[in-house]
Amino acid sequence: MVYDKRLPYTANERMYIYLKRIYLKEPLCIGCHLCEVYCQVEHSQTKDLIKTFKRESPRPLPRVSIEERRPVSLSIRCQHCDDPPCVYACLTGALQRDAESGAVTVDEERCIGCWTCLLACPFGATRRDTNRGIIAKCDLCAGREFPVCVTNCPNEALVYAGK
């Protein structure tokens, strides 16, 4: 099978886009959890570090998590797969590939919290937001030039680039 860096908008169209993803340089990850912290702040109402953790209730979920098995630490987040099983598993069509960015996005209005996407994700990157009854997953910080986890990683273990 020959891999093409460009991803189709839909299975029926012949238009292609170039998707940037977050990659991990595993030897550089020290498990500091700053990617989680800044992800929470980015997805908070106030966008303020102190207010997010001291005043917001419920706290927003980070869309990234750190797995640690010393000496190895790694950042787990949505990989925005070329052929995303979560999109196919979604019963309501709440998960879709964004036509502009190519990222797998969540329509929070359509998500019913059935959690089938959690079962389908081979990376375990989708999280349950039980306070809101929907899923939470990496959105590549839509609207920003670079995801906050990448810009705030002290060791530059996270890289935002194309394949």
Protein backbone atom coordinates (compact mmCIF):
# COMPACT_ATOMS: atom_id res chain seq x y z
CA MET A 1 0.00 0.00 0.00
CA VAL A 2 1.38 3.39 -0.99
CA TYR A 3 0.84 6.14 1.56
CA ASP A 4 -0.13 9.61 0.39
CA LYS A 5 0.58 12.53 2.76
CA ARG A 6 -2.56 14.25 1.58
CA LEU A 7 -5.83 13.24 3.15
CA PRO A 8 -9.18 13.23 1.32
CA TYR A 9 -11.89 15.62 2.44
CA THR A 10 -14.40 12.82 2.06
CA ALA A 11 -14.33 9.35 0.57
CA ASN A 12 -16.27 10.56 -2.48
CA GLU A 13 -14.29 13.67 -3.41
CA ARG A 14 -10.89 13.85 -5.11
CA MET A 15 -9.77 16.99 -3.27
CA TYR A 16 -6.81 16.67 -0.89
CA ILE A 17 -5.35 18.55 2.06
CA TYR A 18 -2.10 18.41 3.99
CA LEU A 19 -2.55 17.65 7.71
CA LYS A 20 -0.11 18.72 10.36
CA ARG A 21 0.07 16.55 13.46
CA ILE A 22 1.72 16.57 16.87
CA TYR A 23 4.65 14.20 17.11
CA LEU A 24 6.52 13.13 20.23
CA LYS A 25 10.28 12.94 20.56
CA GLU A 26 10.04 10.29 23.26
CA PRO A 27 13.64 10.55 24.60
CA LEU A 28 13.03 14.25 25.37
CA CYS A 29 9.77 13.83 27.32
CA ILE A 30 10.41 14.11 31.06
CA GLY A 31 6.81 13.61 32.15
CA CYS A 32 6.43 17.14 33.54
CA HIS A 33 2.70 17.24 32.63
CA LEU A 34 2.92 20.85 31.43
CA CYS A 35 1.23 19.85 28.18
CA GLU A 36 -1.77 18.70 30.24
CA VAL A 37 -1.81 21.91 32.30
CA TYR A 38 -1.69 24.24 29.31
CA CYS A 39 -4.25 22.14 27.45
CA GLN A 40 -6.63 22.54 30.39
CA VAL A 41 -6.06 26.29 30.44
CA GLU A 42 -6.63 26.55 26.67
CA HIS A 43 -9.96 24.72 26.97
CA SER A 44 -11.09 26.65 30.04
CA GLN A 45 -13.61 29.48 30.11
CA THR A 46 -11.19 32.07 31.50
CA LYS A 47 -7.97 31.05 29.63
CA ASP A 48 -6.15 32.07 32.82
CA LEU A 49 -3.83 29.64 34.60
CA ILE A 50 -4.75 30.55 38.18
CA LYS A 51 -8.48 30.99 37.57
CA THR A 52 -8.70 27.69 35.67
CA PHE A 53 -7.42 25.69 38.63
CA LYS A 54 -8.72 27.79 41.55
CA ARG A 55 -12.11 29.09 40.46
CA GLU A 56 -13.56 27.11 37.56
CA SER A 57 -15.93 24.35 38.43
CA PRO A 58 -16.03 21.88 36.91
CA ARG A 59 -12.47 22.08 35.66
CA PRO A 60 -11.98 21.48 31.95
CA LEU A 61 -10.37 18.22 30.95
CA PRO A 62 -7.00 18.20 29.25
CA ARG A 63 -7.17 16.68 25.78
CA VAL A 64 -3.73 15.12 26.28
CA SER A 65 -2.46 12.75 28.96
CA ILE A 66 0.96 11.58 30.06
CA GLU A 67 1.74 7.89 30.43
CA GLU A 68 4.70 7.21 32.69
CA ARG A 69 6.65 4.00 33.11
CA ARG A 70 9.97 5.29 34.34
CA PRO A 71 12.31 5.99 32.66
CA VAL A 72 9.86 6.32 29.73
CA SER A 73 7.21 9.06 29.59
CA LEU A 74 5.02 9.85 26.65
CA SER A 75 2.23 12.15 25.67
CA ILE A 76 -1.01 10.50 24.52
CA ARG A 77 -3.37 12.53 22.34
CA CYS A 78 -5.57 12.10 19.29
CA GLN A 79 -3.52 11.17 16.23
CA HIS A 80 -6.15 12.44 13.77
CA CYS A 81 -5.80 9.13 11.94
CA ASP A 82 -5.85 8.91 8.16
CA ASP A 83 -8.71 6.43 8.45
CA PRO A 84 -10.19 7.33 11.88
CA PRO A 85 -12.01 4.42 13.55
CA CYS A 86 -13.65 6.81 16.02
CA VAL A 87 -15.44 8.63 13.18
CA TYR A 88 -16.82 5.35 11.83
CA ALA A 89 -17.85 4.23 15.33
CA CYS A 90 -19.69 7.45 16.21
CA LEU A 91 -23.40 6.69 16.30
CA THR A 92 -24.59 10.27 15.83
CA GLY A 93 -22.00 11.63 13.41
CA ALA A 94 -20.62 13.98 16.08
CA LEU A 95 -17.07 13.03 15.10
CA GLN A 96 -16.07 14.20 11.64
CA ARG A 97 -12.97 15.20 9.70
CA ASP A 98 -12.83 18.98 9.35
CA ALA A 99 -12.81 19.90 5.67
CA GLU A 100 -10.38 22.80 6.13
CA SER A 101 -7.77 21.48 8.56
CA GLY A 102 -8.19 17.72 8.14
CA ALA A 103 -8.40 17.30 11.91
CA VAL A 104 -10.97 14.97 13.49
CA THR A 105 -13.41 17.25 15.30
CA VAL A 106 -16.28 16.84 17.74
CA ASP A 107 -19.66 18.49 17.33
CA GLU A 108 -20.51 18.84 21.01
CA GLU A 109 -24.19 19.43 20.22
CA ARG A 110 -24.47 16.04 18.50
CA CYS A 111 -22.38 13.99 20.98
CA ILE A 112 -24.63 11.90 23.23
CA GLY A 113 -21.89 10.43 25.43
CA CYS A 114 -22.31 6.85 24.24
CA TRP A 115 -18.51 6.35 24.43
CA THR A 116 -18.26 4.11 21.33
CA CYS A 117 -15.42 6.31 20.09
CA LEU A 118 -13.46 5.45 23.22
CA LEU A 119 -13.77 1.77 22.41
CA ALA A 120 -12.77 2.31 18.78
CA CYS A 121 -9.70 4.52 19.36
CA PRO A 122 -6.54 2.40 19.05
CA PHE A 123 -4.54 4.99 21.04
CA GLY A 124 -6.91 5.52 23.97
CA ALA A 125 -6.78 9.23 23.20
CA THR A 126 -10.46 10.08 23.64
CA ARG A 127 -11.58 11.01 27.15
CA ARG A 128 -14.97 11.04 28.84
CA ASP A 129 -16.11 14.41 30.10
CA THR A 130 -18.64 13.06 32.57
CA ASN A 131 -19.56 16.54 33.83
CA ARG A 132 -20.86 17.52 30.40
CA GLY A 133 -21.78 14.01 29.21
CA ILE A 134 -19.67 14.21 26.06
CA ILE A 135 -16.19 13.28 24.88
CA ALA A 136 -13.05 15.41 25.02
CA LYS A 137 -10.28 14.94 22.49
CA CYS A 138 -7.41 16.90 21.01
CA ASP A 139 -8.61 19.54 18.57
CA LEU A 140 -5.09 20.77 17.69
CA CYS A 141 -6.09 24.02 19.43
CA ALA A 142 -8.35 25.11 16.60
CA GLY A 143 -7.91 28.77 15.80
CA ARG A 144 -4.29 28.89 16.97
CA GLU A 145 -1.21 28.67 14.77
CA PHE A 146 0.40 26.06 17.06
CA PRO A 147 -1.17 23.83 19.73
CA VAL A 148 -0.44 25.06 23.27
CA CYS A 149 1.06 21.74 24.31
CA VAL A 150 3.74 22.18 21.65
CA THR A 151 4.51 25.83 22.43
CA ASN A 152 4.77 25.19 26.19
CA CYS A 153 6.80 21.97 26.21
CA PRO A 154 10.02 22.90 28.05
CA ASN A 155 12.16 20.20 26.36
CA GLU A 156 10.62 20.60 22.91
CA ALA A 157 9.54 16.97 23.07
CA LEU A 158 6.39 17.81 21.10
CA VAL A 159 6.64 18.89 17.47
CA TYR A 160 3.85 20.18 15.23
CA ALA A 161 4.63 19.18 11.66
CA GLY A 162 3.40 17.34 8.59
CA LYS A 163 4.43 13.79 7.78
